Amino acid sequence: MTARSHEASARKNFMPQGYCVKCKAKKDIVDAVEETMKNGRKAIKGKCPTCGTVMFKILGGKAAATPAPAATPEAPSEAPTPKPG
């Protein structure tokens, strides 16, 4: 099996896993839906296959946002001249 076909089959059969607090075990999340929370982070929400409790898993990183413009240091327009005194 080539690496590409193996990679494609792995994506096809991928089921996200989460921790069910009712069963107290790590299980596959059924009917998983990816959501974006209010703070911009991504998460997966679904159900436990055994008991049907809602499972929620926060994914790493934030959703793609527009980056802030980089601050450029201001160059002094003219150096102040010392006053004789």
PDB file of N, CA and C in Angstrom:
ATOM      1  N   MET A   1       0.846  -1.170   0.000  1.00  0.00           N
ATOM      2  CA  MET A   1       0.000   0.000   0.000  1.00  0.00           C
ATOM      3  C   MET A   1       0.895   1.239   0.000  1.00  0.00           C
ATOM      4  N   THR A   2       0.601   2.179  -0.842  1.00  0.00           N
ATOM      5  CA  THR A   2       1.421   3.381  -0.909  1.00  0.00           C
ATOM      6  C   THR A   2       1.052   4.331   0.230  1.00  0.00           C
ATOM      7  N   ALA A   3       1.924   5.287   0.468  1.00  0.00           N
ATOM      8  CA  ALA A   3       1.705   6.233   1.555  1.00  0.00           C
ATOM      9  C   ALA A   3       0.456   7.077   1.317  1.00  0.00           C
ATOM     10  N   ARG A   4       0.225   7.468   0.062  1.00  0.00           N
ATOM     11  CA  ARG A   4      -0.947   8.296  -0.235  1.00  0.00           C
ATOM     12  C   ARG A   4      -2.252   7.544  -0.016  1.00  0.00           C
ATOM     13  N   SER A   5      -2.336   6.316  -0.468  1.00  0.00           N
ATOM     14  CA  SER A   5      -3.580   5.565  -0.299  1.00  0.00           C
ATOM     15  C   SER A   5      -3.816   5.236   1.174  1.00  0.00           C
ATOM     16  N   HIS A   6      -2.737   4.979   1.905  1.00  0.00           N
ATOM     17  CA  HIS A   6      -2.867   4.721   3.337  1.00  0.00           C
ATOM     18  C   HIS A   6      -3.347   5.983   4.061  1.00  0.00           C
ATOM     19  N   GLU A   7      -2.798   7.134   3.674  1.00  0.00           N
ATOM     20  CA  GLU A   7      -3.174   8.408   4.277  1.00  0.00           C
ATOM     21  C   GLU A   7      -4.639   8.732   3.990  1.00  0.00           C
ATOM     22  N   ALA A   8      -5.078   8.483   2.768  1.00  0.00           N
ATOM     23  CA  ALA A   8      -6.458   8.758   2.385  1.00  0.00           C
ATOM     24  C   ALA A   8      -7.424   7.855   3.146  1.00  0.00           C
ATOM     25  N   SER A   9      -7.079   6.580   3.317  1.00  0.00           N
ATOM     26  CA  SER A   9      -7.959   5.677   4.046  1.00  0.00           C
ATOM     27  C   SER A   9      -7.991   6.027   5.526  1.00  0.00           C
ATOM     28  N   ALA A  10      -6.889   6.535   6.063  1.00  0.00           N
ATOM     29  CA  ALA A  10      -6.853   6.934   7.465  1.00  0.00           C
ATOM     30  C   ALA A  10      -7.771   8.134   7.695  1.00  0.00           C
ATOM     31  N   ARG A  11      -7.799   9.088   6.776  1.00  0.00           N
ATOM     32  CA  ARG A  11      -8.687  10.243   6.901  1.00  0.00           C
ATOM     33  C   ARG A  11     -10.143   9.837   6.781  1.00  0.00           C
ATOM     34  N   LYS A  12     -10.411   8.871   5.915  1.00  0.00           N
ATOM     35  CA  LYS A  12     -11.766   8.436   5.657  1.00  0.00           C
ATOM     36  C   LYS A  12     -12.382   7.775   6.891  1.00  0.00           C
ATOM     37  N   ASN A  13     -11.597   6.973   7.600  1.00  0.00           N
ATOM     38  CA  ASN A  13     -12.094   6.221   8.739  1.00  0.00           C
ATOM     39  C   ASN A  13     -11.813   6.908  10.076  1.00  0.00           C
ATOM     40  N   PHE A  14     -11.321   8.115  10.056  1.00  0.00           N
ATOM     41  CA  PHE A  14     -10.957   8.811  11.281  1.00  0.00           C
ATOM     42  C   PHE A  14     -12.197   9.191  12.079  1.00  0.00           C
ATOM     43  N   MET A  15     -12.191   8.808  13.340  1.00  0.00           N
ATOM     44  CA  MET A  15     -13.253   9.224  14.253  1.00  0.00           C
ATOM     45  C   MET A  15     -12.573   9.894  15.429  1.00  0.00           C
ATOM     46  N   PRO A  16     -12.945  11.126  15.731  1.00  0.00           N
ATOM     47  CA  PRO A  16     -12.305  11.819  16.849  1.00  0.00           C
ATOM     48  C   PRO A  16     -12.627  11.130  18.166  1.00  0.00           C
ATOM     49  N   GLN A  17     -11.657  11.165  19.065  1.00  0.00           N
ATOM     50  CA  GLN A  17     -11.859  10.551  20.364  1.00  0.00           C
ATOM     51  C   GLN A  17     -11.965  11.615  21.433  1.00  0.00           C
ATOM     52  N   GLY A  18     -12.735  11.326  22.448  1.00  0.00           N
ATOM     53  CA  GLY A  18     -12.899  12.228  23.576  1.00  0.00           C
ATOM     54  C   GLY A  18     -13.139  11.427  24.828  1.00  0.00           C
ATOM     55  N   TYR A  19     -13.203  12.104  25.957  1.00  0.00           N
ATOM     56  CA  TYR A  19     -13.414  11.448  27.243  1.00  0.00           C
ATOM     57  C   TYR A  19     -14.869  11.602  27.647  1.00  0.00           C
ATOM     58  N   CYS A  20     -15.531  10.488  27.907  1.00  0.00           N
ATOM     59  CA  CYS A  20     -16.915  10.516  28.373  1.00  0.00           C
ATOM     60  C   CYS A  20     -16.889  10.564  29.894  1.00  0.00           C
ATOM     61  N   VAL A  21     -17.465  11.607  30.478  1.00  0.00           N
ATOM     62  CA  VAL A  21     -17.439  11.749  31.935  1.00  0.00           C
ATOM     63  C   VAL A  21     -18.395  10.784  32.622  1.00  0.00           C
ATOM     64  N   LYS A  22     -19.392  10.312  31.916  1.00  0.00           N
ATOM     65  CA  LYS A  22     -20.346   9.372  32.513  1.00  0.00           C
ATOM     66  C   LYS A  22     -19.777   7.949  32.521  1.00  0.00           C
ATOM     67  N   CYS A  23     -19.172   7.539  31.404  1.00  0.00           N
ATOM     68  CA  CYS A  23     -18.572   6.199  31.308  1.00  0.00           C
ATOM     69  C   CYS A  23     -17.178   6.155  31.937  1.00  0.00           C
ATOM     70  N   LYS A  24     -16.563   7.335  32.116  1.00  0.00           N
ATOM     71  CA  LYS A  24     -15.199   7.458  32.636  1.00  0.00           C
ATOM     72  C   LYS A  24     -14.200   6.692  31.780  1.00  0.00           C
ATOM     73  N   ALA A  25     -14.325   6.878  30.459  1.00  0.00           N
ATOM     74  CA  ALA A  25     -13.434   6.212  29.518  1.00  0.00           C
ATOM     75  C   ALA A  25     -13.283   7.061  28.264  1.00  0.00           C
ATOM     76  N   LYS A  26     -12.181   6.835  27.548  1.00  0.00           N
ATOM     77  CA  LYS A  26     -11.932   7.519  26.287  1.00  0.00           C
ATOM     78  C   LYS A  26     -12.603   6.709  25.179  1.00  0.00           C
ATOM     79  N   LYS A  27     -13.445   7.385  24.397  1.00  0.00           N
ATOM     80  CA  LYS A  27     -14.208   6.689  23.356  1.00  0.00           C
ATOM     81  C   LYS A  27     -14.281   7.531  22.102  1.00  0.00           C
ATOM     82  N   ASP A  28     -14.678   6.906  20.998  1.00  0.00           N
ATOM     83  CA  ASP A  28     -14.902   7.627  19.743  1.00  0.00           C
ATOM     84  C   ASP A  28     -16.142   8.501  19.892  1.00  0.00           C
ATOM     85  N   ILE A  29     -16.104   9.684  19.274  1.00  0.00           N
ATOM     86  CA  ILE A  29     -17.241  10.593  19.320  1.00  0.00           C
ATOM     87  C   ILE A  29     -18.127  10.315  18.112  1.00  0.00           C
ATOM     88  N   VAL A  30     -19.396   9.994  18.364  1.00  0.00           N
ATOM     89  CA  VAL A  30     -20.361   9.682  17.303  1.00  0.00           C
ATOM     90  C   VAL A  30     -21.072  10.975  16.910  1.00  0.00           C
ATOM     91  N   ASP A  31     -21.431  11.094  15.639  1.00  0.00           N
ATOM     92  CA  ASP A  31     -22.109  12.286  15.102  1.00  0.00           C
ATOM     93  C   ASP A  31     -21.310  13.551  15.406  1.00  0.00           C
ATOM     94  N   ALA A  32     -19.998  13.479  15.194  1.00  0.00           N
ATOM     95  CA  ALA A  32     -19.108  14.602  15.517  1.00  0.00           C
ATOM     96  C   ALA A  32     -19.310  15.765  14.551  1.00  0.00           C
ATOM     97  N   VAL A  33     -19.356  16.967  15.117  1.00  0.00           N
ATOM     98  CA  VAL A  33     -19.502  18.193  14.343  1.00  0.00           C
ATOM     99  C   VAL A  33     -18.452  19.172  14.853  1.00  0.00           C
ATOM    100  N   GLU A  34     -17.708  19.777  13.918  1.00  0.00           N
ATOM    101  CA  GLU A  34     -16.698  20.759  14.316  1.00  0.00           C
ATOM    102  C   GLU A  34     -17.358  22.114  14.465  1.00  0.00           C
ATOM    103  N   GLU A  35     -17.089  22.765  15.602  1.00  0.00           N
ATOM    104  CA  GLU A  35     -17.662  24.069  15.886  1.00  0.00           C
ATOM    105  C   GLU A  35     -16.559  25.056  16.232  1.00  0.00           C
ATOM    106  N   THR A  36     -16.883  26.336  16.177  1.00  0.00           N
ATOM    107  CA  THR A  36     -15.964  27.371  16.626  1.00  0.00           C
ATOM    108  C   THR A  36     -16.602  28.035  17.840  1.00  0.00           C
ATOM    109  N   MET A  37     -15.873  28.067  18.954  1.00  0.00           N
ATOM    110  CA  MET A  37     -16.400  28.652  20.186  1.00  0.00           C
ATOM    111  C   MET A  37     -16.332  30.175  20.119  1.00  0.00           C
ATOM    112  N   LYS A  38     -16.911  30.840  21.116  1.00  0.00           N
ATOM    113  CA  LYS A  38     -16.946  32.306  21.146  1.00  0.00           C
ATOM    114  C   LYS A  38     -15.548  32.912  21.149  1.00  0.00           C
ATOM    115  N   ASN A  39     -14.612  32.247  21.811  1.00  0.00           N
ATOM    116  CA  ASN A  39     -13.256  32.797  21.902  1.00  0.00           C
ATOM    117  C   ASN A  39     -12.413  32.501  20.665  1.00  0.00           C
ATOM    118  N   GLY A  40     -12.980  31.853  19.645  1.00  0.00           N
ATOM    119  CA  GLY A  40     -12.268  31.608  18.397  1.00  0.00           C
ATOM    120  C   GLY A  40     -11.622  30.238  18.299  1.00  0.00           C
ATOM    121  N   ARG A  41     -11.635  29.476  19.362  1.00  0.00           N
ATOM    122  CA  ARG A  41     -11.027  28.138  19.327  1.00  0.00           C
ATOM    123  C   ARG A  41     -11.978  27.145  18.665  1.00  0.00           C
ATOM    124  N   LYS A  42     -11.391  26.132  18.041  1.00  0.00           N
ATOM    125  CA  LYS A  42     -12.182  25.085  17.404  1.00  0.00           C
ATOM    126  C   LYS A  42     -12.439  23.963  18.402  1.00  0.00           C
ATOM    127  N   ALA A  43     -13.588  23.290  18.235  1.00  0.00           N
ATOM    128  CA  ALA A  43     -13.948  22.185  19.106  1.00  0.00           C
ATOM    129  C   ALA A  43     -14.776  21.179  18.326  1.00  0.00           C
ATOM    130  N   ILE A  44     -14.855  19.961  18.861  1.00  0.00           N
ATOM    131  CA  ILE A  44     -15.681  18.913  18.269  1.00  0.00           C
ATOM    132  C   ILE A  44     -16.743  18.538  19.286  1.00  0.00           C
ATOM    133  N   LYS A  45     -17.990  18.455  18.827  1.00  0.00           N
ATOM    134  CA  LYS A  45     -19.108  18.113  19.695  1.00  0.00           C
ATOM    135  C   LYS A  45     -19.838  16.920  19.093  1.00  0.00           C
ATOM    136  N   GLY A  46     -20.181  15.958  19.940  1.00  0.00           N
ATOM    137  CA  GLY A  46     -20.891  14.775  19.475  1.00  0.00           C
ATOM    138  C   GLY A  46     -21.467  13.996  20.642  1.00  0.00           C
ATOM    139  N   LYS A  47     -21.679  12.695  20.439  1.00  0.00           N
ATOM    140  CA  LYS A  47     -22.279  11.860  21.480  1.00  0.00           C
ATOM    141  C   LYS A  47     -21.417  10.636  21.763  1.00  0.00           C
ATOM    142  N   CYS A  48     -21.544  10.128  22.986  1.00  0.00           N
ATOM    143  CA  CYS A  48     -20.872   8.886  23.379  1.00  0.00           C
ATOM    144  C   CYS A  48     -21.620   7.721  22.732  1.00  0.00           C
ATOM    145  N   PRO A  49     -20.903   6.758  22.132  1.00  0.00           N
ATOM    146  CA  PRO A  49     -21.590   5.635  21.481  1.00  0.00           C
ATOM    147  C   PRO A  49     -22.274   4.698  22.477  1.00  0.00           C
ATOM    148  N   THR A  50     -21.841   4.682  23.729  1.00  0.00           N
ATOM    149  CA  THR A  50     -22.393   3.768  24.723  1.00  0.00           C
ATOM    150  C   THR A  50     -23.612   4.340  25.436  1.00  0.00           C
ATOM    151  N   CYS A  51     -23.448   5.528  26.035  1.00  0.00           N
ATOM    152  CA  CYS A  51     -24.512   6.072  26.881  1.00  0.00           C
ATOM    153  C   CYS A  51     -25.274   7.230  26.242  1.00  0.00           C
ATOM    154  N   GLY A  52     -24.738   7.827  25.188  1.00  0.00           N
ATOM    155  CA  GLY A  52     -25.428   8.915  24.505  1.00  0.00           C
ATOM    156  C   GLY A  52     -25.198  10.289  25.105  1.00  0.00           C
ATOM    157  N   THR A  53     -24.318  10.390  26.104  1.00  0.00           N
ATOM    158  CA  THR A  53     -24.006  11.676  26.718  1.00  0.00           C
ATOM    159  C   THR A  53     -23.265  12.554  25.718  1.00  0.00           C
ATOM    160  N   VAL A  54     -23.503  13.863  25.793  1.00  0.00           N
ATOM    161  CA  VAL A  54     -22.826  14.798  24.911  1.00  0.00           C
ATOM    162  C   VAL A  54     -21.347  14.844  25.276  1.00  0.00           C
ATOM    163  N   MET A  55     -20.488  14.702  24.268  1.00  0.00           N
ATOM    164  CA  MET A  55     -19.036  14.764  24.453  1.00  0.00           C
ATOM    165  C   MET A  55     -18.544  16.009  23.732  1.00  0.00           C
ATOM    166  N   PHE A  56     -17.555  16.658  24.323  1.00  0.00           N
ATOM    167  CA  PHE A  56     -17.028  17.908  23.787  1.00  0.00           C
ATOM    168  C   PHE A  56     -15.519  17.860  23.894  1.00  0.00           C
ATOM    169  N   LYS A  57     -14.829  18.115  22.789  1.00  0.00           N
ATOM    170  CA  LYS A  57     -13.369  18.101  22.800  1.00  0.00           C
ATOM    171  C   LYS A  57     -12.859  19.394  22.179  1.00  0.00           C
ATOM    172  N   ILE A  58     -12.026  20.115  22.939  1.00  0.00           N
ATOM    173  CA  ILE A  58     -11.441  21.358  22.442  1.00  0.00           C
ATOM    174  C   ILE A  58     -10.196  21.006  21.647  1.00  0.00           C
ATOM    175  N   LEU A  59     -10.104  21.518  20.437  1.00  0.00           N
ATOM    176  CA  LEU A  59      -8.959  21.247  19.585  1.00  0.00           C
ATOM    177  C   LEU A  59      -7.890  22.306  19.804  1.00  0.00           C
ATOM    178  N   GLY A  60      -6.665  21.994  19.450  1.00  0.00           N
ATOM    179  CA  GLY A  60      -5.560  22.924  19.638  1.00  0.00           C
ATOM    180  C   GLY A  60      -5.608  24.082  18.669  1.00  0.00           C
ATOM    181  N   GLY A  61      -5.131  25.225  19.109  1.00  0.00           N
ATOM    182  CA  GLY A  61      -5.013  26.388  18.239  1.00  0.00           C
ATOM    183  C   GLY A  61      -6.302  27.151  18.090  1.00  0.00           C
ATOM    184  N   LYS A  62      -6.167  28.344  17.550  1.00  0.00           N
ATOM    185  CA  LYS A  62      -7.328  29.186  17.296  1.00  0.00           C
ATOM    186  C   LYS A  62      -7.680  29.131  15.824  1.00  0.00           C
ATOM    187  N   ALA A  63      -8.867  29.548  15.513  1.00  0.00           N
ATOM    188  CA  ALA A  63      -9.299  29.620  14.119  1.00  0.00           C
ATOM    189  C   ALA A  63      -8.475  30.696  13.419  1.00  0.00           C
ATOM    190  N   ALA A  64      -8.322  30.568  12.136  1.00  0.00           N
ATOM    191  CA  ALA A  64      -7.509  31.521  11.380  1.00  0.00           C
ATOM    192  C   ALA A  64      -8.125  32.911  11.476  1.00  0.00           C
ATOM    193  N   ALA A  65      -7.337  33.829  11.940  1.00  0.00           N
ATOM    194  CA  ALA A  65      -7.781  35.216  12.071  1.00  0.00           C
ATOM    195  C   ALA A  65      -6.834  36.102  11.281  1.00  0.00           C
ATOM    196  N   THR A  66      -7.269  37.291  10.993  1.00  0.00           N
ATOM    197  CA  THR A  66      -6.401  38.194  10.251  1.00  0.00           C
ATOM    198  C   THR A  66      -5.298  38.689  11.179  1.00  0.00           C
ATOM    199  N   PRO A  67      -4.047  38.553  10.775  1.00  0.00           N
ATOM    200  CA  PRO A  67      -2.950  38.969  11.637  1.00  0.00           C
ATOM    201  C   PRO A  67      -2.886  40.486  11.755  1.00  0.00           C
ATOM    202  N   ALA A  68      -2.469  40.945  12.923  1.00  0.00           N
ATOM    203  CA  ALA A  68      -2.340  42.380  13.146  1.00  0.00           C
ATOM    204  C   ALA A  68      -1.135  42.894  12.370  1.00  0.00           C
ATOM    205  N   PRO A  69      -1.190  44.116  11.854  1.00  0.00           N
ATOM    206  CA  PRO A  69      -0.037  44.639  11.111  1.00  0.00           C
ATOM    207  C   PRO A  69       1.160  44.780  12.035  1.00  0.00           C
ATOM    208  N   ALA A  70       2.329  44.479  11.511  1.00  0.00           N
ATOM    209  CA  ALA A  70       3.547  44.565  12.298  1.00  0.00           C
ATOM    210  C   ALA A  70       3.884  46.020  12.569  1.00  0.00           C
ATOM    211  N   ALA A  71       4.298  46.288  13.791  1.00  0.00           N
ATOM    212  CA  ALA A  71       4.658  47.655  14.162  1.00  0.00           C
ATOM    213  C   ALA A  71       6.044  47.968  13.622  1.00  0.00           C
ATOM    214  N   THR A  72       6.157  49.090  12.935  1.00  0.00           N
ATOM    215  CA  THR A  72       7.459  49.490  12.403  1.00  0.00           C
ATOM    216  C   THR A  72       8.015  50.602  13.274  1.00  0.00           C
ATOM    217  N   PRO A  73       9.282  50.523  13.627  1.00  0.00           N
ATOM    218  CA  PRO A  73       9.851  51.578  14.460  1.00  0.00           C
ATOM    219  C   PRO A  73       9.920  52.880  13.664  1.00  0.00           C
ATOM    220  N   GLU A  74       9.558  53.952  14.330  1.00  0.00           N
ATOM    221  CA  GLU A  74       9.570  55.251  13.657  1.00  0.00           C
ATOM    222  C   GLU A  74      10.983  55.815  13.653  1.00  0.00           C
ATOM    223  N   ALA A  75      11.396  56.276  12.504  1.00  0.00           N
ATOM    224  CA  ALA A  75      12.714  56.891  12.395  1.00  0.00           C
ATOM    225  C   ALA A  75      12.586  58.375  12.734  1.00  0.00           C
ATOM    226  N   PRO A  76      13.500  58.919  13.500  1.00  0.00           N
ATOM    227  CA  PRO A  76      13.405  60.349  13.824  1.00  0.00           C
ATOM    228  C   PRO A  76      13.604  61.174  12.558  1.00  0.00           C
ATOM    229  N   SER A  77      12.740  62.168  12.377  1.00  0.00           N
ATOM    230  CA  SER A  77      12.814  62.976  11.158  1.00  0.00           C
ATOM    231  C   SER A  77      14.039  63.882  11.192  1.00  0.00           C
ATOM    232  N   GLU A  78      14.293  64.536  12.296  1.00  0.00           N
ATOM    233  CA  GLU A  78      15.472  65.389  12.420  1.00  0.00           C
ATOM    234  C   GLU A  78      15.982  65.299  13.858  1.00  0.00           C
ATOM    235  N   ALA A  79      17.253  65.241  14.002  1.00  0.00           N
ATOM    236  CA  ALA A  79      17.836  65.221  15.340  1.00  0.00           C
ATOM    237  C   ALA A  79      17.769  66.620  15.920  1.00  0.00           C
ATOM    238  N   PRO A  80      17.380  66.729  17.197  1.00  0.00           N
ATOM    239  CA  PRO A  80      17.313  68.062  17.805  1.00  0.00           C
ATOM    240  C   PRO A  80      18.713  68.646  17.946  1.00  0.00           C
ATOM    241  N   THR A  81      18.828  69.950  17.676  1.00  0.00           N
ATOM    242  CA  THR A  81      20.124  70.601  17.799  1.00  0.00           C
ATOM    243  C   THR A  81      20.256  71.207  19.192  1.00  0.00           C
ATOM    244  N   PRO A  82      21.386  71.021  19.832  1.00  0.00           N
ATOM    245  CA  PRO A  82      21.540  71.589  21.180  1.00  0.00           C
ATOM    246  C   PRO A  82      21.636  73.116  21.117  1.00  0.00           C
ATOM    247  N   LYS A  83      21.001  73.743  22.076  1.00  0.00           N
ATOM    248  CA  LYS A  83      21.023  75.209  22.133  1.00  0.00           C
ATOM    249  C   LYS A  83      22.266  75.670  22.902  1.00  0.00           C
ATOM    250  N   PRO A  84      22.961  76.666  22.380  1.00  0.00           N
ATOM    251  CA  PRO A  84      24.123  77.163  23.116  1.00  0.00           C
ATOM    252  C   PRO A  84      23.653  77.884  24.373  1.00  0.00           C
ATOM    253  N   GLY A  85      24.361  77.626  25.407  1.00  0.00           N
ATOM    254  CA  GLY A  85      23.833  78.315  26.507  1.00  0.00           C
ATOM    255  C   GLY A  85      24.585  78.539  27.665  1.00  0.00           C
TER     256      GLY A  85
END
